[in-house]
């Protein structure tokens, strides 16, 4: 076969890559340099004007990014801790182990928007069962109307929804660990605590880093939970970057500016996740 003919087999995949990745990104960059909105549709070139507006005038975007960072780091940390604990529990020989494996995956298998609507009903401040129970103790929290509690509500829903994903990844990692280090630890008389600290956790570090980065990427796009649960409220207390870009693009129809916001957000997340990955590697993987 001619060497040049081999490239023909790459052509379908290349066309798909261009269609679903390269073209949208390129068009977004071009759109971000236009003044396209509901009043002036079209790709009228305005250069970097939209980007200057982001860095000089739009403090709301940076506040939304700060809230997103807090929600992302908090939810992923809780998901990792709970997911690791559940994975360790099922990894051991316990009764009904297969039943618990399936049970822990149920939240991840449900539709996020539908489950968020159910959670919104649970946390309803006058009709929800959560406050009905807390009223017994004289409490009536404003879950969706308080600036602090609304954030906590979003965190609860996100942790409940995506802890099973972390559990699944970490359980797969635990099941793939070699048995020899545990045999050596038992011979040395190491207890469960020391075995976890010096054997299990170091061996799981590469898998943990991968799971955390994957979830951070997904958590940085929190949109459906905020949209259904709080609509960014009260005020802008739970407004994230994705929701703010949605407002600018699909409510105010500032397409050029929302494209600039999207591309800026993309660059910031790439840099942030790269730094986080390097920090995690230094903290969790020790030189032998």
C-alpha atoms as a PDB file:
ATOM      1  CA  UNK A   1       0.000   0.000   0.000  1.00  0.00           C
ATOM      2  CA  UNK A   2       1.233   3.457  -0.891  1.00  0.00           C
ATOM      3  CA  UNK A   3       2.301   5.415   2.186  1.00  0.00           C
ATOM      4  CA  UNK A   4       0.194   8.381   1.103  1.00  0.00           C
ATOM      5  CA  UNK A   5      -2.923   6.227   0.968  1.00  0.00           C
ATOM      6  CA  UNK A   6      -2.690   5.639   4.709  1.00  0.00           C
ATOM      7  CA  UNK A   7      -3.672   9.239   5.318  1.00  0.00           C
ATOM      8  CA  UNK A   8      -7.003   8.588   3.610  1.00  0.00           C
ATOM      9  CA  UNK A   9      -7.994   6.414   6.561  1.00  0.00           C
ATOM     10  CA  UNK A  10      -7.361   9.361   8.890  1.00  0.00           C
ATOM     11  CA  UNK A  11      -9.553  11.688   6.852  1.00  0.00           C
ATOM     12  CA  UNK A  12     -12.965  10.714   8.405  1.00  0.00           C
ATOM     13  CA  UNK A  13     -11.663  11.176  11.939  1.00  0.00           C
ATOM     14  CA  UNK A  14      -9.978  14.439  10.963  1.00  0.00           C
ATOM     15  CA  UNK A  15     -13.203  15.779   9.460  1.00  0.00           C
ATOM     16  CA  UNK A  16     -15.114  14.860  12.623  1.00  0.00           C
ATOM     17  CA  UNK A  17     -12.443  16.579  14.758  1.00  0.00           C
ATOM     18  CA  UNK A  18     -12.680  19.714  12.640  1.00  0.00           C
ATOM     19  CA  UNK A  19     -16.477  19.659  12.774  1.00  0.00           C
ATOM     20  CA  UNK A  20     -16.937  19.187  16.507  1.00  0.00           C
ATOM     21  CA  UNK A  21     -13.852  20.910  17.938  1.00  0.00           C
ATOM     22  CA  UNK A  22     -11.686  23.069  15.707  1.00  0.00           C
ATOM     23  CA  UNK A  23     -14.440  24.897  13.822  1.00  0.00           C
ATOM     24  CA  UNK A  24     -16.554  25.763  16.935  1.00  0.00           C
ATOM     25  CA  UNK A  25     -13.500  27.066  18.790  1.00  0.00           C
ATOM     26  CA  UNK A  26     -12.356  29.071  15.791  1.00  0.00           C
ATOM     27  CA  UNK A  27     -15.807  30.513  15.225  1.00  0.00           C
ATOM     28  CA  UNK A  28     -16.091  31.403  18.913  1.00  0.00           C
ATOM     29  CA  UNK A  29     -12.825  33.334  18.733  1.00  0.00           C
ATOM     30  CA  UNK A  30     -14.038  35.181  15.644  1.00  0.00           C
ATOM     31  CA  UNK A  31     -17.420  35.839  17.258  1.00  0.00           C
ATOM     32  CA  UNK A  32     -15.714  37.190  20.376  1.00  0.00           C
ATOM     33  CA  UNK A  33     -14.138  39.894  18.238  1.00  0.00           C
ATOM     34  CA  UNK A  34     -17.468  41.080  16.908  1.00  0.00           C
ATOM     35  CA  UNK A  35     -20.277  43.300  18.196  1.00  0.00           C
ATOM     36  CA  UNK A  36     -22.999  40.778  17.408  1.00  0.00           C
ATOM     37  CA  UNK A  37     -26.027  41.301  19.655  1.00  0.00           C
ATOM     38  CA  UNK A  38     -29.811  41.465  19.345  1.00  0.00           C
ATOM     39  CA  UNK A  39     -29.671  44.999  17.905  1.00  0.00           C
ATOM     40  CA  UNK A  40     -26.677  44.642  15.553  1.00  0.00           C
ATOM     41  CA  UNK A  41     -26.506  41.054  14.244  1.00  0.00           C
ATOM     42  CA  UNK A  42     -23.430  40.206  12.244  1.00  0.00           C
ATOM     43  CA  UNK A  43     -19.699  39.668  12.579  1.00  0.00           C
ATOM     44  CA  UNK A  44     -18.687  43.326  12.634  1.00  0.00           C
ATOM     45  CA  UNK A  45     -15.037  43.296  13.687  1.00  0.00           C
ATOM     46  CA  UNK A  46     -14.312  45.210  16.911  1.00  0.00           C
ATOM     47  CA  UNK A  47     -10.919  43.700  17.753  1.00  0.00           C
ATOM     48  CA  UNK A  48     -10.211  43.155  21.438  1.00  0.00           C
ATOM     49  CA  UNK A  49     -12.897  45.543  22.652  1.00  0.00           C
ATOM     50  CA  UNK A  50     -14.950  42.771  24.300  1.00  0.00           C
ATOM     51  CA  UNK A  51     -11.873  41.474  26.133  1.00  0.00           C
ATOM     52  CA  UNK A  52     -10.984  44.945  27.409  1.00  0.00           C
ATOM     53  CA  UNK A  53     -14.547  45.204  28.693  1.00  0.00           C
ATOM     54  CA  UNK A  54     -14.141  41.939  30.621  1.00  0.00           C
ATOM     55  CA  UNK A  55     -10.964  43.000  32.408  1.00  0.00           C
ATOM     56  CA  UNK A  56     -11.798  46.672  32.911  1.00  0.00           C
ATOM     57  CA  UNK A  57     -15.557  46.877  33.499  1.00  0.00           C
ATOM     58  CA  UNK A  58     -17.154  43.517  34.218  1.00  0.00           C
ATOM     59  CA  UNK A  59     -16.593  42.871  37.915  1.00  0.00           C
ATOM     60  CA  UNK A  60     -19.681  40.642  37.968  1.00  0.00           C
ATOM     61  CA  UNK A  61     -17.893  38.033  35.835  1.00  0.00           C
ATOM     62  CA  UNK A  62     -14.959  37.841  38.224  1.00  0.00           C
ATOM     63  CA  UNK A  63     -17.278  37.619  41.234  1.00  0.00           C
ATOM     64  CA  UNK A  64     -19.092  34.746  39.511  1.00  0.00           C
ATOM     65  CA  UNK A  65     -15.741  33.075  38.851  1.00  0.00           C
ATOM     66  CA  UNK A  66     -14.844  33.404  42.533  1.00  0.00           C
ATOM     67  CA  UNK A  67     -18.098  31.729  43.539  1.00  0.00           C
ATOM     68  CA  UNK A  68     -17.530  29.006  40.954  1.00  0.00           C
ATOM     69  CA  UNK A  69     -14.029  28.355  42.322  1.00  0.00           C
ATOM     70  CA  UNK A  70     -15.391  28.030  45.854  1.00  0.00           C
ATOM     71  CA  UNK A  71     -18.234  25.709  44.808  1.00  0.00           C
ATOM     72  CA  UNK A  72     -15.981  23.582  42.597  1.00  0.00           C
ATOM     73  CA  UNK A  73     -13.206  23.075  45.136  1.00  0.00           C
ATOM     74  CA  UNK A  74     -15.659  22.425  47.976  1.00  0.00           C
ATOM     75  CA  UNK A  75     -17.857  19.964  46.098  1.00  0.00           C
ATOM     76  CA  UNK A  76     -14.954  18.027  44.560  1.00  0.00           C
ATOM     77  CA  UNK A  77     -13.164  17.792  47.917  1.00  0.00           C
ATOM     78  CA  UNK A  78     -16.275  16.398  49.590  1.00  0.00           C
ATOM     79  CA  UNK A  79     -16.908  14.063  46.670  1.00  0.00           C
ATOM     80  CA  UNK A  80     -13.361  12.733  46.886  1.00  0.00           C
ATOM     81  CA  UNK A  81     -13.479  12.133  50.641  1.00  0.00           C
ATOM     82  CA  UNK A  82     -16.928  10.507  50.577  1.00  0.00           C
ATOM     83  CA  UNK A  83     -16.215   8.576  47.381  1.00  0.00           C
ATOM     84  CA  UNK A  84     -12.956   7.220  48.794  1.00  0.00           C
ATOM     85  CA  UNK A  85     -14.670   6.207  52.034  1.00  0.00           C
ATOM     86  CA  UNK A  86     -17.458   4.407  50.175  1.00  0.00           C
ATOM     87  CA  UNK A  87     -14.961   2.731  47.850  1.00  0.00           C
ATOM     88  CA  UNK A  88     -12.901   1.492  50.795  1.00  0.00           C
ATOM     89  CA  UNK A  89     -16.038   0.148  52.463  1.00  0.00           C
ATOM     90  CA  UNK A  90     -17.157  -1.810  49.399  1.00  0.00           C
ATOM     91  CA  UNK A  91     -13.595  -2.882  48.592  1.00  0.00           C
ATOM     92  CA  UNK A  92     -13.455  -4.851  51.812  1.00  0.00           C
ATOM     93  CA  UNK A  93     -15.303  -8.112  52.264  1.00  0.00           C
ATOM     94  CA  UNK A  94     -18.642  -6.975  53.689  1.00  0.00           C
ATOM     95  CA  UNK A  95     -22.111  -8.422  53.484  1.00  0.00           C
ATOM     96  CA  UNK A  96     -24.225  -7.388  50.457  1.00  0.00           C
ATOM     97  CA  UNK A  97     -21.164  -5.868  48.769  1.00  0.00           C
ATOM     98  CA  UNK A  98     -22.669  -6.043  45.276  1.00  0.00           C
ATOM     99  CA  UNK A  99     -25.921  -4.518  46.494  1.00  0.00           C
ATOM    100  CA  UNK A 100     -24.105  -1.506  47.943  1.00  0.00           C
ATOM    101  CA  UNK A 101     -22.098  -1.046  44.744  1.00  0.00           C
ATOM    102  CA  UNK A 102     -25.309  -0.681  42.753  1.00  0.00           C
ATOM    103  CA  UNK A 103     -26.986   1.420  45.454  1.00  0.00           C
ATOM    104  CA  UNK A 104     -24.174   3.978  45.538  1.00  0.00           C
ATOM    105  CA  UNK A 105     -24.411   4.477  41.766  1.00  0.00           C
ATOM    106  CA  UNK A 106     -28.123   5.343  41.688  1.00  0.00           C
ATOM    107  CA  UNK A 107     -27.680   9.166  42.059  1.00  0.00           C
ATOM    108  CA  UNK A 108     -25.331   9.266  39.070  1.00  0.00           C
ATOM    109  CA  UNK A 109     -27.772   7.288  36.907  1.00  0.00           C
ATOM    110  CA  UNK A 110     -30.625   9.764  37.391  1.00  0.00           C
ATOM    111  CA  UNK A 111     -31.236  12.812  35.192  1.00  0.00           C
ATOM    112  CA  UNK A 112     -29.562  15.833  36.882  1.00  0.00           C
ATOM    113  CA  UNK A 113     -32.300  18.341  36.048  1.00  0.00           C
ATOM    114  CA  UNK A 114     -35.105  16.071  37.278  1.00  0.00           C
ATOM    115  CA  UNK A 115     -33.264  15.283  40.503  1.00  0.00           C
ATOM    116  CA  UNK A 116     -32.526  18.980  41.051  1.00  0.00           C
ATOM    117  CA  UNK A 117     -36.253  19.710  40.759  1.00  0.00           C
ATOM    118  CA  UNK A 118     -36.896  17.035  43.405  1.00  0.00           C
ATOM    119  CA  UNK A 119     -34.200  18.511  45.651  1.00  0.00           C
ATOM    120  CA  UNK A 120     -35.755  21.948  45.188  1.00  0.00           C
ATOM    121  CA  UNK A 121     -39.026  20.473  46.433  1.00  0.00           C
ATOM    122  CA  UNK A 122     -37.233  18.933  49.415  1.00  0.00           C
ATOM    123  CA  UNK A 123     -35.704  22.284  50.370  1.00  0.00           C
ATOM    124  CA  UNK A 124     -38.852  24.333  49.784  1.00  0.00           C
ATOM    125  CA  UNK A 125     -39.008  26.708  52.725  1.00  0.00           C
ATOM    126  CA  UNK A 126     -42.726  26.289  53.515  1.00  0.00           C
ATOM    127  CA  UNK A 127     -43.789  23.022  51.875  1.00  0.00           C
ATOM    128  CA  UNK A 128     -40.578  20.979  51.783  1.00  0.00           C
ATOM    129  CA  UNK A 129     -40.112  17.862  53.950  1.00  0.00           C
ATOM    130  CA  UNK A 130     -36.685  19.050  55.153  1.00  0.00           C
ATOM    131  CA  UNK A 131     -38.148  22.085  56.923  1.00  0.00           C
ATOM    132  CA  UNK A 132     -41.158  20.047  58.041  1.00  0.00           C
ATOM    133  CA  UNK A 133     -38.726  17.849  59.963  1.00  0.00           C
ATOM    134  CA  UNK A 134     -36.594  20.743  61.242  1.00  0.00           C
ATOM    135  CA  UNK A 135     -39.707  22.563  62.470  1.00  0.00           C
ATOM    136  CA  UNK A 136     -39.909  19.901  65.175  1.00  0.00           C
ATOM    137  CA  UNK A 137     -36.763  21.460  66.660  1.00  0.00           C
ATOM    138  CA  UNK A 138     -37.964  25.006  66.029  1.00  0.00           C
ATOM    139  CA  UNK A 139     -35.787  25.561  62.949  1.00  0.00           C
ATOM    140  CA  UNK A 140     -37.004  26.971  59.659  1.00  0.00           C
ATOM    141  CA  UNK A 141     -33.906  27.627  57.500  1.00  0.00           C
ATOM    142  CA  UNK A 142     -34.243  29.686  54.315  1.00  0.00           C
ATOM    143  CA  UNK A 143     -32.455  27.158  52.120  1.00  0.00           C
ATOM    144  CA  UNK A 144     -33.044  28.959  48.831  1.00  0.00           C
ATOM    145  CA  UNK A 145     -33.400  32.560  50.044  1.00  0.00           C
ATOM    146  CA  UNK A 146     -30.317  32.926  52.223  1.00  0.00           C
ATOM    147  CA  UNK A 147     -27.021  33.893  50.626  1.00  0.00           C
ATOM    148  CA  UNK A 148     -25.045  31.359  52.663  1.00  0.00           C
ATOM    149  CA  UNK A 149     -27.597  28.529  52.794  1.00  0.00           C
ATOM    150  CA  UNK A 150     -28.257  28.726  49.060  1.00  0.00           C
ATOM    151  CA  UNK A 151     -24.577  27.920  48.445  1.00  0.00           C
ATOM    152  CA  UNK A 152     -24.783  25.050  50.918  1.00  0.00           C
ATOM    153  CA  UNK A 153     -27.866  23.733  49.123  1.00  0.00           C
ATOM    154  CA  UNK A 154     -26.058  23.754  45.775  1.00  0.00           C
ATOM    155  CA  UNK A 155     -23.107  21.945  47.374  1.00  0.00           C
ATOM    156  CA  UNK A 156     -25.385  19.280  48.891  1.00  0.00           C
ATOM    157  CA  UNK A 157     -27.084  18.562  45.574  1.00  0.00           C
ATOM    158  CA  UNK A 158     -23.802  18.457  43.639  1.00  0.00           C
ATOM    159  CA  UNK A 159     -22.136  16.177  46.196  1.00  0.00           C
ATOM    160  CA  UNK A 160     -25.121  13.814  46.234  1.00  0.00           C
ATOM    161  CA  UNK A 161     -25.273  13.708  42.437  1.00  0.00           C
ATOM    162  CA  UNK A 162     -21.591  13.168  41.615  1.00  0.00           C
ATOM    163  CA  UNK A 163     -20.029  11.374  44.577  1.00  0.00           C
ATOM    164  CA  UNK A 164     -20.953   8.048  42.870  1.00  0.00           C
ATOM    165  CA  UNK A 165     -18.752   9.010  39.909  1.00  0.00           C
ATOM    166  CA  UNK A 166     -15.788   9.529  42.224  1.00  0.00           C
ATOM    167  CA  UNK A 167     -16.690   6.309  44.046  1.00  0.00           C
ATOM    168  CA  UNK A 168     -16.673   4.371  40.756  1.00  0.00           C
ATOM    169  CA  UNK A 169     -13.262   5.650  39.659  1.00  0.00           C
ATOM    170  CA  UNK A 170     -11.646   5.086  43.056  1.00  0.00           C
ATOM    171  CA  UNK A 171     -13.168   1.633  43.457  1.00  0.00           C
ATOM    172  CA  UNK A 172     -11.775   0.635  40.058  1.00  0.00           C
ATOM    173  CA  UNK A 173      -8.390   1.882  41.237  1.00  0.00           C
ATOM    174  CA  UNK A 174      -8.577  -0.064  44.503  1.00  0.00           C
ATOM    175  CA  UNK A 175      -9.495  -3.270  42.693  1.00  0.00           C
ATOM    176  CA  UNK A 176      -6.444  -2.907  40.448  1.00  0.00           C
ATOM    177  CA  UNK A 177      -3.901  -2.460  43.266  1.00  0.00           C
ATOM    178  CA  UNK A 178      -1.194  -5.142  43.617  1.00  0.00           C
ATOM    179  CA  UNK A 179      -1.404  -7.462  46.620  1.00  0.00           C
ATOM    180  CA  UNK A 180       2.328  -7.692  47.354  1.00  0.00           C
ATOM    181  CA  UNK A 181       2.629  -4.363  49.260  1.00  0.00           C
ATOM    182  CA  UNK A 182      -0.241  -5.390  51.549  1.00  0.00           C
ATOM    183  CA  UNK A 183       1.393  -8.744  52.204  1.00  0.00           C
ATOM    184  CA  UNK A 184       4.631  -6.962  53.122  1.00  0.00           C
ATOM    185  CA  UNK A 185       2.745  -4.526  55.369  1.00  0.00           C
ATOM    186  CA  UNK A 186       1.001  -7.379  57.203  1.00  0.00           C
ATOM    187  CA  UNK A 187       4.319  -9.137  57.727  1.00  0.00           C
ATOM    188  CA  UNK A 188       5.744  -5.926  59.213  1.00  0.00           C
ATOM    189  CA  UNK A 189       2.766  -5.744  61.589  1.00  0.00           C
ATOM    190  CA  UNK A 190       1.171  -2.607  60.144  1.00  0.00           C
ATOM    191  CA  UNK A 191      -2.395  -1.982  61.274  1.00  0.00           C
ATOM    192  CA  UNK A 192      -5.285  -0.762  59.086  1.00  0.00           C
ATOM    193  CA  UNK A 193      -4.492   2.909  59.692  1.00  0.00           C
ATOM    194  CA  UNK A 194      -0.783   2.671  58.866  1.00  0.00           C
ATOM    195  CA  UNK A 195      -1.539   0.411  55.893  1.00  0.00           C
ATOM    196  CA  UNK A 196      -3.872   3.044  54.465  1.00  0.00           C
ATOM    197  CA  UNK A 197      -1.455   5.933  55.070  1.00  0.00           C
ATOM    198  CA  UNK A 198       1.692   4.253  53.794  1.00  0.00           C
ATOM    199  CA  UNK A 199       0.367   1.733  51.248  1.00  0.00           C
ATOM    200  CA  UNK A 200      -3.160   2.368  49.970  1.00  0.00           C
ATOM    201  CA  UNK A 201      -3.088   6.158  49.695  1.00  0.00           C
ATOM    202  CA  UNK A 202       0.319   6.396  47.945  1.00  0.00           C
ATOM    203  CA  UNK A 203      -0.643   3.648  45.492  1.00  0.00           C
ATOM    204  CA  UNK A 204      -3.935   5.402  44.784  1.00  0.00           C
ATOM    205  CA  UNK A 205      -2.338   8.827  44.288  1.00  0.00           C
ATOM    206  CA  UNK A 206      -2.150   8.739  40.451  1.00  0.00           C
ATOM    207  CA  UNK A 207      -5.745   7.524  40.199  1.00  0.00           C
ATOM    208  CA  UNK A 208      -6.873  10.082  42.776  1.00  0.00           C
ATOM    209  CA  UNK A 209      -5.264  12.928  40.840  1.00  0.00           C
ATOM    210  CA  UNK A 210      -6.954  11.818  37.633  1.00  0.00           C
ATOM    211  CA  UNK A 211     -10.344  11.516  39.334  1.00  0.00           C
ATOM    212  CA  UNK A 212     -10.024  14.928  41.005  1.00  0.00           C
ATOM    213  CA  UNK A 213      -9.029  16.656  37.747  1.00  0.00           C
ATOM    214  CA  UNK A 214     -11.897  15.021  35.843  1.00  0.00           C
ATOM    215  CA  UNK A 215     -14.387  16.150  38.449  1.00  0.00           C
ATOM    216  CA  UNK A 216     -12.903  19.651  38.624  1.00  0.00           C
ATOM    217  CA  UNK A 217     -13.362  19.975  34.867  1.00  0.00           C
ATOM    218  CA  UNK A 218     -17.007  18.952  35.194  1.00  0.00           C
ATOM    219  CA  UNK A 219     -17.618  20.982  38.358  1.00  0.00           C
ATOM    220  CA  UNK A 220     -16.256  24.093  36.653  1.00  0.00           C
ATOM    221  CA  UNK A 221     -19.255  23.898  34.323  1.00  0.00           C
ATOM    222  CA  UNK A 222     -21.934  23.912  37.035  1.00  0.00           C
ATOM    223  CA  UNK A 223     -25.017  25.155  35.253  1.00  0.00           C
ATOM    224  CA  UNK A 224     -28.067  22.895  35.445  1.00  0.00           C
ATOM    225  CA  UNK A 225     -28.084  22.668  39.232  1.00  0.00           C
ATOM    226  CA  UNK A 226     -27.837  26.439  39.670  1.00  0.00           C
ATOM    227  CA  UNK A 227     -30.361  27.128  36.909  1.00  0.00           C
ATOM    228  CA  UNK A 228     -33.055  24.846  38.345  1.00  0.00           C
ATOM    229  CA  UNK A 229     -32.339  25.208  42.057  1.00  0.00           C
ATOM    230  CA  UNK A 230     -31.694  28.919  42.584  1.00  0.00           C
ATOM    231  CA  UNK A 231     -31.490  30.625  39.155  1.00  0.00           C
ATOM    232  CA  UNK A 232     -28.324  32.245  40.457  1.00  0.00           C
ATOM    233  CA  UNK A 233     -30.095  33.773  43.440  1.00  0.00           C
ATOM    234  CA  UNK A 234     -30.758  35.130  45.868  1.00  0.00           C
ATOM    235  CA  UNK A 235     -29.449  38.095  43.906  1.00  0.00           C
ATOM    236  CA  UNK A 236     -26.200  36.748  42.487  1.00  0.00           C
ATOM    237  CA  UNK A 237     -25.250  34.615  45.520  1.00  0.00           C
ATOM    238  CA  UNK A 238     -25.015  31.361  43.533  1.00  0.00           C
ATOM    239  CA  UNK A 239     -24.347  32.788  40.090  1.00  0.00           C
ATOM    240  CA  UNK A 240     -21.443  30.910  38.480  1.00  0.00           C
ATOM    241  CA  UNK A 241     -19.403  31.774  35.401  1.00  0.00           C
ATOM    242  CA  UNK A 242     -21.375  29.393  33.187  1.00  0.00           C
ATOM    243  CA  UNK A 243     -24.680  30.827  34.344  1.00  0.00           C
ATOM    244  CA  UNK A 244     -23.457  34.396  33.849  1.00  0.00           C
ATOM    245  CA  UNK A 245     -22.308  33.580  30.304  1.00  0.00           C
ATOM    246  CA  UNK A 246     -25.724  32.017  29.702  1.00  0.00           C
ATOM    247  CA  UNK A 247     -27.400  35.245  30.862  1.00  0.00           C
ATOM    248  CA  UNK A 248     -25.276  37.412  28.582  1.00  0.00           C
ATOM    249  CA  UNK A 249     -25.670  35.121  25.597  1.00  0.00           C
ATOM    250  CA  UNK A 250     -29.188  33.697  25.717  1.00  0.00           C
ATOM    251  CA  UNK A 251     -31.072  36.245  27.803  1.00  0.00           C
ATOM    252  CA  UNK A 252     -29.471  39.540  26.851  1.00  0.00           C
ATOM    253  CA  UNK A 253     -28.401  38.232  23.405  1.00  0.00           C
ATOM    254  CA  UNK A 254     -24.923  39.775  23.580  1.00  0.00           C
ATOM    255  CA  UNK A 255     -23.450  36.993  21.464  1.00  0.00           C
ATOM    256  CA  UNK A 256     -20.124  38.644  20.742  1.00  0.00           C
ATOM    257  CA  UNK A 257     -19.514  39.525  24.378  1.00  0.00           C
ATOM    258  CA  UNK A 258     -20.656  36.115  25.654  1.00  0.00           C
ATOM    259  CA  UNK A 259     -18.235  34.466  23.211  1.00  0.00           C
ATOM    260  CA  UNK A 260     -15.429  36.613  24.630  1.00  0.00           C
ATOM    261  CA  UNK A 261     -16.486  35.586  28.131  1.00  0.00           C
ATOM    262  CA  UNK A 262     -16.496  31.911  27.119  1.00  0.00           C
ATOM    263  CA  UNK A 263     -13.039  32.037  25.565  1.00  0.00           C
ATOM    264  CA  UNK A 264     -11.600  33.971  28.504  1.00  0.00           C
ATOM    265  CA  UNK A 265     -13.122  31.465  30.888  1.00  0.00           C
ATOM    266  CA  UNK A 266     -11.676  28.585  28.843  1.00  0.00           C
ATOM    267  CA  UNK A 267      -8.146  30.004  29.004  1.00  0.00           C
ATOM    268  CA  UNK A 268      -8.431  30.674  32.749  1.00  0.00           C
ATOM    269  CA  UNK A 269      -9.640  27.121  33.421  1.00  0.00           C
ATOM    270  CA  UNK A 270      -6.844  25.561  31.343  1.00  0.00           C
ATOM    271  CA  UNK A 271      -4.221  27.515  33.286  1.00  0.00           C
ATOM    272  CA  UNK A 272      -5.900  26.875  36.657  1.00  0.00           C
ATOM    273  CA  UNK A 273      -6.316  23.130  36.113  1.00  0.00           C
ATOM    274  CA  UNK A 274      -2.719  22.810  34.924  1.00  0.00           C
ATOM    275  CA  UNK A 275      -1.477  24.486  38.110  1.00  0.00           C
ATOM    276  CA  UNK A 276      -3.803  22.371  40.282  1.00  0.00           C
ATOM    277  CA  UNK A 277      -2.610  19.170  38.608  1.00  0.00           C
ATOM    278  CA  UNK A 278       1.043  20.052  39.263  1.00  0.00           C
ATOM    279  CA  UNK A 279       0.293  20.931  42.888  1.00  0.00           C
ATOM    280  CA  UNK A 280      -1.567  17.645  43.401  1.00  0.00           C
ATOM    281  CA  UNK A 281       1.312  15.680  41.914  1.00  0.00           C
ATOM    282  CA  UNK A 282       3.761  17.323  44.328  1.00  0.00           C
ATOM    283  CA  UNK A 283       1.496  16.804  47.332  1.00  0.00           C
ATOM    284  CA  UNK A 284       0.264  13.257  46.671  1.00  0.00           C
ATOM    285  CA  UNK A 285       3.114  11.576  44.830  1.00  0.00           C
ATOM    286  CA  UNK A 286       6.309  11.350  46.829  1.00  0.00           C
ATOM    287  CA  UNK A 287       9.688  10.554  45.341  1.00  0.00           C
ATOM    288  CA  UNK A 288      10.806   7.071  46.229  1.00  0.00           C
END
